[in-house]
Amino acid sequence: MLAFRQASERAIRHAVTTGEMVDMSFVHSIQRGEQHIPCFGRLEEYCPHTTCRWHHQCMALLGQSTGGKRAVVGV
């Protein structure tokens, strides 16, 4: 899992490309409140937690960091 700083840098790169900026601290607090691991934007592989409300956006960040190629690992 990426460190928060690395994940923030990834989010900024995504924002520059798409015009969409995400407040990662806010998302992490919501994830905790919904009984999910506060991992938004920090994964380096495909996330199996598809019930998380942030799954789609998180996978978009992952695609951004891998040049648009999502790493799918044992889903």
N, C-alpha and C. Protein backbone atom coordinates (compact mmCIF):
# COMPACT_ATOMS: atom_id res chain seq x y z
N MET A 1 0.85 -1.17 0.00
CA MET A 1 0.00 0.00 0.00
C MET A 1 0.90 1.23 0.00
N LEU A 2 0.52 2.21 -0.78
CA LEU A 2 1.29 3.44 -0.87
C LEU A 2 1.17 4.26 0.41
N ALA A 3 2.18 5.04 0.68
CA ALA A 3 2.12 6.00 1.77
C ALA A 3 1.15 7.11 1.37
N PHE A 4 0.59 7.80 2.36
CA PHE A 4 -0.39 8.85 2.08
C PHE A 4 0.19 9.90 1.13
N ARG A 5 1.43 10.28 1.33
CA ARG A 5 2.05 11.31 0.46
C ARG A 5 2.10 10.84 -0.99
N GLN A 6 2.51 9.60 -1.21
CA GLN A 6 2.56 9.08 -2.57
C GLN A 6 1.17 9.03 -3.19
N ALA A 7 0.18 8.62 -2.40
CA ALA A 7 -1.19 8.56 -2.89
C ALA A 7 -1.71 9.96 -3.21
N SER A 8 -1.35 10.94 -2.41
CA SER A 8 -1.75 12.32 -2.67
C SER A 8 -1.15 12.83 -3.97
N GLU A 9 0.11 12.50 -4.20
CA GLU A 9 0.76 12.90 -5.45
C GLU A 9 0.08 12.25 -6.65
N ARG A 10 -0.33 11.00 -6.49
CA ARG A 10 -1.07 10.30 -7.55
C ARG A 10 -2.39 11.02 -7.81
N ALA A 11 -3.09 11.41 -6.76
CA ALA A 11 -4.36 12.11 -6.90
C ALA A 11 -4.17 13.45 -7.61
N ILE A 12 -3.10 14.13 -7.31
CA ILE A 12 -2.82 15.42 -7.96
C ILE A 12 -2.56 15.21 -9.45
N ARG A 13 -1.80 14.18 -9.80
CA ARG A 13 -1.55 13.89 -11.22
C ARG A 13 -2.88 13.60 -11.93
N HIS A 14 -3.75 12.86 -11.26
CA HIS A 14 -5.07 12.54 -11.82
C HIS A 14 -5.87 13.82 -12.01
N ALA A 15 -5.81 14.71 -11.04
CA ALA A 15 -6.55 15.97 -11.13
C ALA A 15 -6.06 16.82 -12.29
N VAL A 16 -4.76 16.85 -12.51
CA VAL A 16 -4.20 17.63 -13.61
C VAL A 16 -4.71 17.08 -14.94
N THR A 17 -4.78 15.77 -15.05
CA THR A 17 -5.21 15.12 -16.29
C THR A 17 -6.71 15.24 -16.52
N THR A 18 -7.51 15.05 -15.46
CA THR A 18 -8.97 14.96 -15.63
C THR A 18 -9.74 16.18 -15.15
N GLY A 19 -9.12 17.02 -14.32
CA GLY A 19 -9.82 18.15 -13.74
C GLY A 19 -10.62 17.79 -12.50
N GLU A 20 -10.46 16.55 -12.01
CA GLU A 20 -11.19 16.09 -10.82
C GLU A 20 -10.22 15.92 -9.67
N MET A 21 -10.42 16.69 -8.59
CA MET A 21 -9.55 16.58 -7.42
C MET A 21 -10.33 15.97 -6.27
N VAL A 22 -9.71 15.05 -5.57
CA VAL A 22 -10.35 14.34 -4.48
C VAL A 22 -9.66 14.70 -3.17
N ASP A 23 -10.45 14.99 -2.13
CA ASP A 23 -9.91 15.24 -0.79
C ASP A 23 -9.74 13.88 -0.12
N MET A 24 -8.53 13.35 -0.14
CA MET A 24 -8.29 11.99 0.33
C MET A 24 -8.56 11.83 1.82
N SER A 25 -8.26 12.82 2.62
CA SER A 25 -8.52 12.72 4.06
C SER A 25 -10.02 12.58 4.32
N PHE A 26 -10.81 13.34 3.57
CA PHE A 26 -12.26 13.27 3.70
C PHE A 26 -12.77 11.89 3.31
N VAL A 27 -12.28 11.36 2.20
CA VAL A 27 -12.69 10.04 1.74
C VAL A 27 -12.31 8.98 2.76
N HIS A 28 -11.09 9.07 3.31
CA HIS A 28 -10.66 8.10 4.30
C HIS A 28 -11.55 8.13 5.54
N SER A 29 -11.98 9.31 5.96
CA SER A 29 -12.85 9.39 7.14
C SER A 29 -14.21 8.75 6.86
N ILE A 30 -14.72 8.93 5.65
CA ILE A 30 -15.98 8.28 5.28
C ILE A 30 -15.79 6.77 5.21
N GLN A 31 -14.69 6.33 4.64
CA GLN A 31 -14.43 4.89 4.58
C GLN A 31 -14.43 4.28 5.98
N ARG A 32 -13.77 4.93 6.91
CA ARG A 32 -13.75 4.41 8.29
C ARG A 32 -15.16 4.35 8.86
N GLY A 33 -15.95 5.40 8.63
CA GLY A 33 -17.31 5.45 9.13
C GLY A 33 -18.20 4.37 8.53
N GLU A 34 -17.88 3.92 7.33
CA GLU A 34 -18.66 2.88 6.66
C GLU A 34 -18.02 1.50 6.83
N GLN A 35 -17.12 1.37 7.79
CA GLN A 35 -16.48 0.10 8.13
C GLN A 35 -15.61 -0.47 7.01
N HIS A 36 -15.00 0.42 6.23
CA HIS A 36 -14.04 0.00 5.20
C HIS A 36 -12.64 0.41 5.66
N ILE A 37 -11.67 -0.23 5.13
CA ILE A 37 -10.27 0.16 5.38
C ILE A 37 -10.06 1.52 4.71
N PRO A 38 -9.47 2.49 5.39
CA PRO A 38 -9.23 3.81 4.77
C PRO A 38 -8.05 3.75 3.79
N CYS A 39 -8.30 3.15 2.65
CA CYS A 39 -7.21 2.88 1.70
C CYS A 39 -7.36 3.63 0.39
N PHE A 40 -8.33 4.52 0.27
CA PHE A 40 -8.59 5.20 -1.01
C PHE A 40 -7.32 5.77 -1.61
N GLY A 41 -7.08 5.40 -2.86
CA GLY A 41 -5.94 5.93 -3.61
C GLY A 41 -4.60 5.36 -3.23
N ARG A 42 -4.55 4.46 -2.28
CA ARG A 42 -3.28 3.95 -1.79
C ARG A 42 -2.92 2.57 -2.32
N LEU A 43 -3.86 1.90 -2.98
CA LEU A 43 -3.58 0.56 -3.47
C LEU A 43 -2.74 0.59 -4.74
N GLU A 44 -1.96 -0.45 -4.91
CA GLU A 44 -1.12 -0.57 -6.10
C GLU A 44 -1.63 -1.66 -7.04
N GLU A 45 -2.71 -2.32 -6.65
CA GLU A 45 -3.32 -3.37 -7.44
C GLU A 45 -4.83 -3.16 -7.42
N TYR A 46 -5.53 -3.99 -8.17
CA TYR A 46 -6.99 -3.93 -8.20
C TYR A 46 -7.55 -4.13 -6.79
N CYS A 47 -8.55 -3.37 -6.43
CA CYS A 47 -9.18 -3.46 -5.11
C CYS A 47 -10.41 -4.36 -5.17
N PRO A 48 -10.47 -5.38 -4.32
CA PRO A 48 -11.63 -6.28 -4.33
C PRO A 48 -12.83 -5.73 -3.55
N HIS A 49 -12.70 -4.59 -2.91
CA HIS A 49 -13.78 -4.03 -2.07
C HIS A 49 -14.77 -3.24 -2.94
N THR A 50 -15.51 -3.96 -3.76
CA THR A 50 -16.40 -3.32 -4.73
C THR A 50 -17.63 -2.67 -4.11
N THR A 51 -17.91 -2.94 -2.84
CA THR A 51 -19.06 -2.30 -2.18
C THR A 51 -18.71 -0.92 -1.62
N CYS A 52 -17.45 -0.57 -1.63
CA CYS A 52 -17.03 0.76 -1.17
C CYS A 52 -17.53 1.81 -2.16
N ARG A 53 -18.10 2.88 -1.64
CA ARG A 53 -18.64 3.93 -2.53
C ARG A 53 -17.57 4.61 -3.37
N TRP A 54 -16.30 4.49 -3.01
CA TRP A 54 -15.21 5.16 -3.71
C TRP A 54 -14.46 4.22 -4.66
N HIS A 55 -14.94 3.01 -4.82
CA HIS A 55 -14.23 2.00 -5.61
C HIS A 55 -13.93 2.49 -7.03
N HIS A 56 -14.92 3.02 -7.71
CA HIS A 56 -14.73 3.45 -9.09
C HIS A 56 -13.66 4.55 -9.20
N GLN A 57 -13.75 5.54 -8.33
CA GLN A 57 -12.77 6.63 -8.36
C GLN A 57 -11.37 6.14 -8.01
N CYS A 58 -11.30 5.23 -7.06
CA CYS A 58 -10.01 4.68 -6.65
C CYS A 58 -9.37 3.92 -7.81
N MET A 59 -10.17 3.14 -8.51
CA MET A 59 -9.64 2.40 -9.64
C MET A 59 -9.24 3.34 -10.77
N ALA A 60 -9.90 4.49 -10.89
CA ALA A 60 -9.49 5.49 -11.87
C ALA A 60 -8.11 6.02 -11.54
N LEU A 61 -7.84 6.24 -10.24
CA LEU A 61 -6.50 6.68 -9.83
C LEU A 61 -5.47 5.61 -10.13
N LEU A 62 -5.82 4.36 -9.90
CA LEU A 62 -4.91 3.26 -10.19
C LEU A 62 -4.60 3.21 -11.68
N GLY A 63 -5.62 3.38 -12.50
CA GLY A 63 -5.42 3.40 -13.95
C GLY A 63 -4.52 4.54 -14.38
N GLN A 64 -4.65 5.68 -13.70
CA GLN A 64 -3.82 6.85 -13.99
C GLN A 64 -2.35 6.55 -13.70
N SER A 65 -2.09 5.85 -12.59
CA SER A 65 -0.71 5.61 -12.20
C SER A 65 -0.06 4.50 -13.00
N THR A 66 -0.86 3.68 -13.69
CA THR A 66 -0.30 2.58 -14.46
C THR A 66 -0.43 2.85 -15.97
N GLY A 67 -0.60 4.12 -16.31
CA GLY A 67 -0.70 4.48 -17.71
C GLY A 67 -1.99 4.01 -18.36
N GLY A 68 -3.06 3.90 -17.56
CA GLY A 68 -4.34 3.48 -18.09
C GLY A 68 -4.55 1.98 -18.07
N LYS A 69 -3.53 1.23 -17.67
CA LYS A 69 -3.64 -0.22 -17.61
C LYS A 69 -3.85 -0.63 -16.16
N ARG A 70 -5.00 -1.15 -15.86
CA ARG A 70 -5.30 -1.57 -14.49
C ARG A 70 -4.71 -2.94 -14.22
N ALA A 71 -4.10 -3.05 -13.07
CA ALA A 71 -3.56 -4.33 -12.66
C ALA A 71 -4.68 -5.13 -12.00
N VAL A 72 -5.02 -6.25 -12.60
CA VAL A 72 -6.07 -7.09 -12.03
C VAL A 72 -5.39 -8.31 -11.44
N VAL A 73 -5.51 -8.43 -10.14
CA VAL A 73 -4.83 -9.51 -9.43
C VAL A 73 -5.84 -10.31 -8.65
N GLY A 74 -6.03 -11.55 -9.01
CA GLY A 74 -6.86 -12.50 -8.28
C GLY A 74 -8.14 -11.98 -7.69
N VAL A 75 -9.02 -11.46 -8.49
CA VAL A 75 -10.29 -10.94 -7.98
C VAL A 75 -11.24 -12.07 -7.73
